[in-house]
Amino acid sequence: MPKNWLNKKEKAATLEKKAIITKYKDALSLNIETYNRVLKQYGSSFEILPPNTSEDELLAKNKEEITDYFLTHIKEATNSYLAELNNM
């Protein structure tokens, strides 16, 4: 296979992963923002923080690993939120 074709395929795969990362990151950020707003509204000083993983680290993963990464973090954020609500 020509090298140029492989480069195009790699670029397409990277663009697809970037789109997935952006979509999941936006969804996670929106959930965390909403959770923190509700907690603050009820007088809690607890704050859920977003994960601190670089885009390069995420791009090194395959699509399934990226999905699993964000699913794990949304579960953790949700569990933290519910635990804080239960402690009120």
PDB file of N, CA and C in Angstrom:
ATOM      1  N   MET A   1       0.844  -1.185   0.000  1.00  0.00           N
ATOM      2  CA  MET A   1       0.000   0.000   0.000  1.00  0.00           C
ATOM      3  C   MET A   1       0.881   1.238   0.000  1.00  0.00           C
ATOM      4  N   PRO A   2       0.469   2.240  -0.735  1.00  0.00           N
ATOM      5  CA  PRO A   2       1.254   3.473  -0.763  1.00  0.00           C
ATOM      6  C   PRO A   2       1.262   4.154   0.607  1.00  0.00           C
ATOM      7  N   LYS A   3       2.404   4.748   0.927  1.00  0.00           N
ATOM      8  CA  LYS A   3       2.568   5.413   2.219  1.00  0.00           C
ATOM      9  C   LYS A   3       1.573   6.558   2.370  1.00  0.00           C
ATOM     10  N   ASN A   4       1.311   7.268   1.294  1.00  0.00           N
ATOM     11  CA  ASN A   4       0.369   8.395   1.314  1.00  0.00           C
ATOM     12  C   ASN A   4      -1.021   7.931   1.738  1.00  0.00           C
ATOM     13  N   TRP A   5      -1.426   6.761   1.266  1.00  0.00           N
ATOM     14  CA  TRP A   5      -2.739   6.219   1.619  1.00  0.00           C
ATOM     15  C   TRP A   5      -2.803   5.925   3.114  1.00  0.00           C
ATOM     16  N   LEU A   6      -1.714   5.369   3.665  1.00  0.00           N
ATOM     17  CA  LEU A   6      -1.674   5.076   5.095  1.00  0.00           C
ATOM     18  C   LEU A   6      -1.738   6.353   5.920  1.00  0.00           C
ATOM     19  N   ASN A   7      -1.036   7.389   5.482  1.00  0.00           N
ATOM     20  CA  ASN A   7      -1.081   8.666   6.194  1.00  0.00           C
ATOM     21  C   ASN A   7      -2.490   9.235   6.211  1.00  0.00           C
ATOM     22  N   LYS A   8      -3.189   9.134   5.094  1.00  0.00           N
ATOM     23  CA  LYS A   8      -4.571   9.625   5.034  1.00  0.00           C
ATOM     24  C   LYS A   8      -5.466   8.821   5.968  1.00  0.00           C
ATOM     25  N   LYS A   9      -5.243   7.516   6.005  1.00  0.00           N
ATOM     26  CA  LYS A   9      -6.040   6.653   6.873  1.00  0.00           C
ATOM     27  C   LYS A   9      -5.768   6.982   8.342  1.00  0.00           C
ATOM     28  N   GLU A  10      -4.502   7.200   8.692  1.00  0.00           N
ATOM     29  CA  GLU A  10      -4.144   7.566  10.063  1.00  0.00           C
ATOM     30  C   GLU A  10      -4.740   8.917  10.443  1.00  0.00           C
ATOM     31  N   LYS A  11      -4.690   9.868   9.517  1.00  0.00           N
ATOM     32  CA  LYS A  11      -5.257  11.194   9.780  1.00  0.00           C
ATOM     33  C   LYS A  11      -6.765  11.106   9.982  1.00  0.00           C
ATOM     34  N   ALA A  12      -7.420  10.284   9.170  1.00  0.00           N
ATOM     35  CA  ALA A  12      -8.871  10.113   9.304  1.00  0.00           C
ATOM     36  C   ALA A  12      -9.211   9.483  10.652  1.00  0.00           C
ATOM     37  N   ALA A  13      -8.423   8.503  11.070  1.00  0.00           N
ATOM     38  CA  ALA A  13      -8.662   7.854  12.362  1.00  0.00           C
ATOM     39  C   ALA A  13      -8.445   8.839  13.505  1.00  0.00           C
ATOM     40  N   THR A  14      -7.423   9.676  13.395  1.00  0.00           N
ATOM     41  CA  THR A  14      -7.156  10.686  14.422  1.00  0.00           C
ATOM     42  C   THR A  14      -8.285  11.699  14.485  1.00  0.00           C
ATOM     43  N   LEU A  15      -8.761  12.145  13.337  1.00  0.00           N
ATOM     44  CA  LEU A  15      -9.879  13.100  13.310  1.00  0.00           C
ATOM     45  C   LEU A  15     -11.131  12.491  13.932  1.00  0.00           C
ATOM     46  N   GLU A  16     -11.364  11.217  13.659  1.00  0.00           N
ATOM     47  CA  GLU A  16     -12.524  10.535  14.236  1.00  0.00           C
ATOM     48  C   GLU A  16     -12.392  10.445  15.761  1.00  0.00           C
ATOM     49  N   LYS A  17     -11.191  10.121  16.234  1.00  0.00           N
ATOM     50  CA  LYS A  17     -10.974  10.050  17.680  1.00  0.00           C
ATOM     51  C   LYS A  17     -11.120  11.431  18.317  1.00  0.00           C
ATOM     52  N   LYS A  18     -10.632  12.474  17.647  1.00  0.00           N
ATOM     53  CA  LYS A  18     -10.777  13.837  18.177  1.00  0.00           C
ATOM     54  C   LYS A  18     -12.248  14.216  18.299  1.00  0.00           C
ATOM     55  N   ALA A  19     -13.045  13.827  17.318  1.00  0.00           N
ATOM     56  CA  ALA A  19     -14.483  14.120  17.360  1.00  0.00           C
ATOM     57  C   ALA A  19     -15.145  13.392  18.527  1.00  0.00           C
ATOM     58  N   ILE A  20     -14.770  12.140  18.747  1.00  0.00           N
ATOM     59  CA  ILE A  20     -15.315  11.362  19.866  1.00  0.00           C
ATOM     60  C   ILE A  20     -14.914  12.001  21.190  1.00  0.00           C
ATOM     61  N   ILE A  21     -13.651  12.373  21.310  1.00  0.00           N
ATOM     62  CA  ILE A  21     -13.152  13.000  22.537  1.00  0.00           C
ATOM     63  C   ILE A  21     -13.909  14.290  22.819  1.00  0.00           C
ATOM     64  N   THR A  22     -14.087  15.117  21.802  1.00  0.00           N
ATOM     65  CA  THR A  22     -14.801  16.387  21.980  1.00  0.00           C
ATOM     66  C   THR A  22     -16.233  16.148  22.427  1.00  0.00           C
ATOM     67  N   LYS A  23     -16.910  15.203  21.785  1.00  0.00           N
ATOM     68  CA  LYS A  23     -18.304  14.906  22.126  1.00  0.00           C
ATOM     69  C   LYS A  23     -18.430  14.440  23.576  1.00  0.00           C
ATOM     70  N   TYR A  24     -17.604  13.490  23.968  1.00  0.00           N
ATOM     71  CA  TYR A  24     -17.672  12.959  25.330  1.00  0.00           C
ATOM     72  C   TYR A  24     -17.204  13.976  26.362  1.00  0.00           C
ATOM     73  N   LYS A  25     -16.167  14.734  26.021  1.00  0.00           N
ATOM     74  CA  LYS A  25     -15.652  15.748  26.949  1.00  0.00           C
ATOM     75  C   LYS A  25     -16.711  16.814  27.212  1.00  0.00           C
ATOM     76  N   ASP A  26     -17.409  17.238  26.158  1.00  0.00           N
ATOM     77  CA  ASP A  26     -18.484  18.224  26.314  1.00  0.00           C
ATOM     78  C   ASP A  26     -19.608  17.682  27.193  1.00  0.00           C
ATOM     79  N   ALA A  27     -19.981  16.430  26.975  1.00  0.00           N
ATOM     80  CA  ALA A  27     -21.050  15.820  27.779  1.00  0.00           C
ATOM     81  C   ALA A  27     -20.628  15.706  29.239  1.00  0.00           C
ATOM     82  N   LEU A  28     -19.402  15.270  29.481  1.00  0.00           N
ATOM     83  CA  LEU A  28     -18.900  15.142  30.847  1.00  0.00           C
ATOM     84  C   LEU A  28     -18.834  16.507  31.524  1.00  0.00           C
ATOM     85  N   SER A  29     -18.335  17.503  30.816  1.00  0.00           N
ATOM     86  CA  SER A  29     -18.232  18.858  31.373  1.00  0.00           C
ATOM     87  C   SER A  29     -19.599  19.417  31.731  1.00  0.00           C
ATOM     88  N   LEU A  30     -20.572  19.197  30.872  1.00  0.00           N
ATOM     89  CA  LEU A  30     -21.927  19.681  31.134  1.00  0.00           C
ATOM     90  C   LEU A  30     -22.508  19.017  32.381  1.00  0.00           C
ATOM     91  N   ASN A  31     -22.303  17.719  32.514  1.00  0.00           N
ATOM     92  CA  ASN A  31     -22.792  17.012  33.700  1.00  0.00           C
ATOM     93  C   ASN A  31     -22.112  17.520  34.963  1.00  0.00           C
ATOM     94  N   ILE A  32     -20.809  17.666  34.925  1.00  0.00           N
ATOM     95  CA  ILE A  32     -20.076  18.146  36.099  1.00  0.00           C
ATOM     96  C   ILE A  32     -20.520  19.554  36.464  1.00  0.00           C
ATOM     97  N   GLU A  33     -20.680  20.402  35.461  1.00  0.00           N
ATOM     98  CA  GLU A  33     -21.142  21.776  35.704  1.00  0.00           C
ATOM     99  C   GLU A  33     -22.522  21.775  36.367  1.00  0.00           C
ATOM    100  N   THR A  34     -23.415  20.941  35.877  1.00  0.00           N
ATOM    101  CA  THR A  34     -24.765  20.852  36.439  1.00  0.00           C
ATOM    102  C   THR A  34     -24.724  20.310  37.865  1.00  0.00           C
ATOM    103  N   TYR A  35     -23.959  19.246  38.082  1.00  0.00           N
ATOM    104  CA  TYR A  35     -23.836  18.683  39.429  1.00  0.00           C
ATOM    105  C   TYR A  35     -23.321  19.731  40.409  1.00  0.00           C
ATOM    106  N   ASN A  36     -22.265  20.446  40.027  1.00  0.00           N
ATOM    107  CA  ASN A  36     -21.687  21.454  40.922  1.00  0.00           C
ATOM    108  C   ASN A  36     -22.661  22.596  41.200  1.00  0.00           C
ATOM    109  N   ARG A  37     -23.421  22.986  40.197  1.00  0.00           N
ATOM    110  CA  ARG A  37     -24.404  24.058  40.382  1.00  0.00           C
ATOM    111  C   ARG A  37     -25.488  23.626  41.374  1.00  0.00           C
ATOM    112  N   VAL A  38     -25.971  22.402  41.239  1.00  0.00           N
ATOM    113  CA  VAL A  38     -27.003  21.897  42.154  1.00  0.00           C
ATOM    114  C   VAL A  38     -26.442  21.788  43.571  1.00  0.00           C
ATOM    115  N   LEU A  39     -25.239  21.255  43.707  1.00  0.00           N
ATOM    116  CA  LEU A  39     -24.637  21.130  45.038  1.00  0.00           C
ATOM    117  C   LEU A  39     -24.471  22.499  45.696  1.00  0.00           C
ATOM    118  N   LYS A  40     -24.016  23.463  44.929  1.00  0.00           N
ATOM    119  CA  LYS A  40     -23.841  24.820  45.459  1.00  0.00           C
ATOM    120  C   LYS A  40     -25.184  25.409  45.876  1.00  0.00           C
ATOM    121  N   GLN A  41     -26.200  25.161  45.066  1.00  0.00           N
ATOM    122  CA  GLN A  41     -27.543  25.671  45.354  1.00  0.00           C
ATOM    123  C   GLN A  41     -28.058  25.132  46.692  1.00  0.00           C
ATOM    124  N   TYR A  42     -27.654  23.926  47.041  1.00  0.00           N
ATOM    125  CA  TYR A  42     -28.081  23.327  48.304  1.00  0.00           C
ATOM    126  C   TYR A  42     -27.085  23.582  49.435  1.00  0.00           C
ATOM    127  N   GLY A  43     -26.143  24.472  49.201  1.00  0.00           N
ATOM    128  CA  GLY A  43     -25.240  24.901  50.260  1.00  0.00           C
ATOM    129  C   GLY A  43     -23.987  24.068  50.442  1.00  0.00           C
ATOM    130  N   SER A  44     -23.723  23.177  49.529  1.00  0.00           N
ATOM    131  CA  SER A  44     -22.528  22.345  49.642  1.00  0.00           C
ATOM    132  C   SER A  44     -21.323  23.076  49.053  1.00  0.00           C
ATOM    133  N   SER A  45     -20.183  22.915  49.695  1.00  0.00           N
ATOM    134  CA  SER A  45     -18.944  23.484  49.156  1.00  0.00           C
ATOM    135  C   SER A  45     -18.149  22.427  48.380  1.00  0.00           C
ATOM    136  N   PHE A  46     -18.678  21.209  48.334  1.00  0.00           N
ATOM    137  CA  PHE A  46     -18.039  20.116  47.603  1.00  0.00           C
ATOM    138  C   PHE A  46     -18.048  20.446  46.116  1.00  0.00           C
ATOM    139  N   GLU A  47     -16.959  20.161  45.440  1.00  0.00           N
ATOM    140  CA  GLU A  47     -16.889  20.424  44.005  1.00  0.00           C
ATOM    141  C   GLU A  47     -16.327  19.206  43.289  1.00  0.00           C
ATOM    142  N   ILE A  48     -17.016  18.799  42.251  1.00  0.00           N
ATOM    143  CA  ILE A  48     -16.555  17.699  41.407  1.00  0.00           C
ATOM    144  C   ILE A  48     -15.623  18.304  40.366  1.00  0.00           C
ATOM    145  N   LEU A  49     -14.445  17.734  40.241  1.00  0.00           N
ATOM    146  CA  LEU A  49     -13.462  18.243  39.293  1.00  0.00           C
ATOM    147  C   LEU A  49     -13.391  17.335  38.073  1.00  0.00           C
ATOM    148  N   PRO A  50     -13.182  17.928  36.905  1.00  0.00           N
ATOM    149  CA  PRO A  50     -13.045  17.107  35.700  1.00  0.00           C
ATOM    150  C   PRO A  50     -11.713  16.358  35.718  1.00  0.00           C
ATOM    151  N   PRO A  51     -11.631  15.257  34.990  1.00  0.00           N
ATOM    152  CA  PRO A  51     -10.362  14.529  34.920  1.00  0.00           C
ATOM    153  C   PRO A  51      -9.297  15.394  34.244  1.00  0.00           C
ATOM    154  N   ASN A  52      -8.057  15.141  34.588  1.00  0.00           N
ATOM    155  CA  ASN A  52      -6.961  15.950  34.069  1.00  0.00           C
ATOM    156  C   ASN A  52      -6.089  15.100  33.143  1.00  0.00           C
ATOM    157  N   THR A  53      -6.640  14.719  32.011  1.00  0.00           N
ATOM    158  CA  THR A  53      -5.925  13.901  31.036  1.00  0.00           C
ATOM    159  C   THR A  53      -5.771  14.709  29.760  1.00  0.00           C
ATOM    160  N   SER A  54      -4.575  14.725  29.217  1.00  0.00           N
ATOM    161  CA  SER A  54      -4.331  15.515  28.010  1.00  0.00           C
ATOM    162  C   SER A  54      -4.966  14.848  26.789  1.00  0.00           C
ATOM    163  N   GLU A  55      -5.200  15.665  25.779  1.00  0.00           N
ATOM    164  CA  GLU A  55      -5.759  15.128  24.536  1.00  0.00           C
ATOM    165  C   GLU A  55      -4.795  14.128  23.910  1.00  0.00           C
ATOM    166  N   ASP A  56      -3.499  14.390  24.014  1.00  0.00           N
ATOM    167  CA  ASP A  56      -2.511  13.461  23.457  1.00  0.00           C
ATOM    168  C   ASP A  56      -2.598  12.083  24.115  1.00  0.00           C
ATOM    169  N   GLU A  57      -2.801  12.072  25.430  1.00  0.00           N
ATOM    170  CA  GLU A  57      -2.950  10.791  26.134  1.00  0.00           C
ATOM    171  C   GLU A  57      -4.188  10.052  25.641  1.00  0.00           C
ATOM    172  N   LEU A  58      -5.265  10.797  25.422  1.00  0.00           N
ATOM    173  CA  LEU A  58      -6.496  10.167  24.940  1.00  0.00           C
ATOM    174  C   LEU A  58      -6.353   9.699  23.498  1.00  0.00           C
ATOM    175  N   LEU A  59      -5.661  10.481  22.671  1.00  0.00           N
ATOM    176  CA  LEU A  59      -5.476  10.096  21.271  1.00  0.00           C
ATOM    177  C   LEU A  59      -4.622   8.836  21.128  1.00  0.00           C
ATOM    178  N   ALA A  60      -3.825   8.536  22.137  1.00  0.00           N
ATOM    179  CA  ALA A  60      -3.006   7.317  22.102  1.00  0.00           C
ATOM    180  C   ALA A  60      -3.857   6.065  22.312  1.00  0.00           C
ATOM    181  N   LYS A  61      -5.085   6.258  22.773  1.00  0.00           N
ATOM    182  CA  LYS A  61      -5.996   5.137  23.015  1.00  0.00           C
ATOM    183  C   LYS A  61      -6.788   4.828  21.748  1.00  0.00           C
ATOM    184  N   ASN A  62      -7.358   3.618  21.681  1.00  0.00           N
ATOM    185  CA  ASN A  62      -8.264   3.316  20.578  1.00  0.00           C
ATOM    186  C   ASN A  62      -9.666   3.826  20.939  1.00  0.00           C
ATOM    187  N   LYS A  63     -10.583   3.770  19.998  1.00  0.00           N
ATOM    188  CA  LYS A  63     -11.924   4.337  20.216  1.00  0.00           C
ATOM    189  C   LYS A  63     -12.638   3.690  21.401  1.00  0.00           C
ATOM    190  N   GLU A  64     -12.505   2.394  21.546  1.00  0.00           N
ATOM    191  CA  GLU A  64     -13.165   1.700  22.657  1.00  0.00           C
ATOM    192  C   GLU A  64     -12.590   2.158  23.998  1.00  0.00           C
ATOM    193  N   GLU A  65     -11.286   2.313  24.057  1.00  0.00           N
ATOM    194  CA  GLU A  65     -10.644   2.781  25.294  1.00  0.00           C
ATOM    195  C   GLU A  65     -11.062   4.215  25.632  1.00  0.00           C
ATOM    196  N   ILE A  66     -11.224   5.040  24.614  1.00  0.00           N
ATOM    197  CA  ILE A  66     -11.673   6.419  24.828  1.00  0.00           C
ATOM    198  C   ILE A  66     -13.085   6.416  25.406  1.00  0.00           C
ATOM    199  N   THR A  67     -13.952   5.611  24.815  1.00  0.00           N
ATOM    200  CA  THR A  67     -15.326   5.502  25.309  1.00  0.00           C
ATOM    201  C   THR A  67     -15.337   5.009  26.751  1.00  0.00           C
ATOM    202  N   ASP A  68     -14.551   3.977  27.036  1.00  0.00           N
ATOM    203  CA  ASP A  68     -14.468   3.442  28.402  1.00  0.00           C
ATOM    204  C   ASP A  68     -13.947   4.487  29.381  1.00  0.00           C
ATOM    205  N   TYR A  69     -12.959   5.256  28.967  1.00  0.00           N
ATOM    206  CA  TYR A  69     -12.382   6.306  29.808  1.00  0.00           C
ATOM    207  C   TYR A  69     -13.466   7.300  30.230  1.00  0.00           C
ATOM    208  N   PHE A  70     -14.226   7.794  29.261  1.00  0.00           N
ATOM    209  CA  PHE A  70     -15.249   8.787  29.585  1.00  0.00           C
ATOM    210  C   PHE A  70     -16.411   8.170  30.359  1.00  0.00           C
ATOM    211  N   LEU A  71     -16.773   6.949  30.046  1.00  0.00           N
ATOM    212  CA  LEU A  71     -17.836   6.275  30.785  1.00  0.00           C
ATOM    213  C   LEU A  71     -17.439   6.107  32.252  1.00  0.00           C
ATOM    214  N   THR A  72     -16.207   5.722  32.485  1.00  0.00           N
ATOM    215  CA  THR A  72     -15.708   5.589  33.857  1.00  0.00           C
ATOM    216  C   THR A  72     -15.778   6.924  34.589  1.00  0.00           C
ATOM    217  N   HIS A  73     -15.375   7.999  33.922  1.00  0.00           N
ATOM    218  CA  HIS A  73     -15.355   9.307  34.580  1.00  0.00           C
ATOM    219  C   HIS A  73     -16.753   9.883  34.796  1.00  0.00           C
ATOM    220  N   ILE A  74     -17.689   9.602  33.911  1.00  0.00           N
ATOM    221  CA  ILE A  74     -19.055  10.085  34.154  1.00  0.00           C
ATOM    222  C   ILE A  74     -19.660   9.307  35.316  1.00  0.00           C
ATOM    223  N   LYS A  75     -19.350   8.023  35.417  1.00  0.00           N
ATOM    224  CA  LYS A  75     -19.836   7.230  36.557  1.00  0.00           C
ATOM    225  C   LYS A  75     -19.245   7.755  37.864  1.00  0.00           C
ATOM    226  N   GLU A  76     -17.945   8.057  37.861  1.00  0.00           N
ATOM    227  CA  GLU A  76     -17.297   8.583  39.065  1.00  0.00           C
ATOM    228  C   GLU A  76     -17.897   9.926  39.474  1.00  0.00           C
ATOM    229  N   ALA A  77     -18.122  10.804  38.497  1.00  0.00           N
ATOM    230  CA  ALA A  77     -18.711  12.113  38.797  1.00  0.00           C
ATOM    231  C   ALA A  77     -20.119  11.945  39.356  1.00  0.00           C
ATOM    232  N   THR A  78     -20.891  11.061  38.747  1.00  0.00           N
ATOM    233  CA  THR A  78     -22.262  10.827  39.197  1.00  0.00           C
ATOM    234  C   THR A  78     -22.280  10.220  40.597  1.00  0.00           C
ATOM    235  N   ASN A  79     -21.402   9.262  40.849  1.00  0.00           N
ATOM    236  CA  ASN A  79     -21.325   8.654  42.183  1.00  0.00           C
ATOM    237  C   ASN A  79     -20.921   9.675  43.237  1.00  0.00           C
ATOM    238  N   SER A  80     -19.981  10.547  42.916  1.00  0.00           N
ATOM    239  CA  SER A  80     -19.564  11.599  43.857  1.00  0.00           C
ATOM    240  C   SER A  80     -20.715  12.553  44.141  1.00  0.00           C
ATOM    241  N   TYR A  81     -21.436  12.904  43.097  1.00  0.00           N
ATOM    242  CA  TYR A  81     -22.589  13.803  43.222  1.00  0.00           C
ATOM    243  C   TYR A  81     -23.654  13.186  44.130  1.00  0.00           C
ATOM    244  N   LEU A  82     -24.001  11.943  43.856  1.00  0.00           N
ATOM    245  CA  LEU A  82     -25.029  11.268  44.649  1.00  0.00           C
ATOM    246  C   LEU A  82     -24.583  11.067  46.093  1.00  0.00           C
ATOM    247  N   ALA A  83     -23.318  10.746  46.295  1.00  0.00           N
ATOM    248  CA  ALA A  83     -22.802  10.575  47.655  1.00  0.00           C
ATOM    249  C   ALA A  83     -22.898  11.885  48.428  1.00  0.00           C
ATOM    250  N   GLU A  84     -22.575  12.989  47.782  1.00  0.00           N
ATOM    251  CA  GLU A  84     -22.663  14.291  48.454  1.00  0.00           C
ATOM    252  C   GLU A  84     -24.116  14.641  48.762  1.00  0.00           C
ATOM    253  N   LEU A  85     -25.021  14.363  47.835  1.00  0.00           N
ATOM    254  CA  LEU A  85     -26.444  14.619  48.099  1.00  0.00           C
ATOM    255  C   LEU A  85     -26.932  13.777  49.276  1.00  0.00           C
ATOM    256  N   ASN A  86     -26.494  12.532  49.339  1.00  0.00           N
ATOM    257  CA  ASN A  86     -26.909  11.647  50.430  1.00  0.00           C
ATOM    258  C   ASN A  86     -26.359  12.086  51.780  1.00  0.00           C
ATOM    259  N   ASN A  87     -25.272  12.836  51.774  1.00  0.00           N
ATOM    260  CA  ASN A  87     -24.676  13.327  53.019  1.00  0.00           C
ATOM    261  C   ASN A  87     -25.294  14.639  53.492  1.00  0.00           C
ATOM    262  N   MET A  88     -26.202  15.185  52.746  1.00  0.00           N
ATOM    263  CA  MET A  88     -26.806  16.469  53.116  1.00  0.00           C
ATOM    264  C   MET A  88     -27.948  16.247  54.078  1.00  0.00           C
TER     265      MET A  88
END
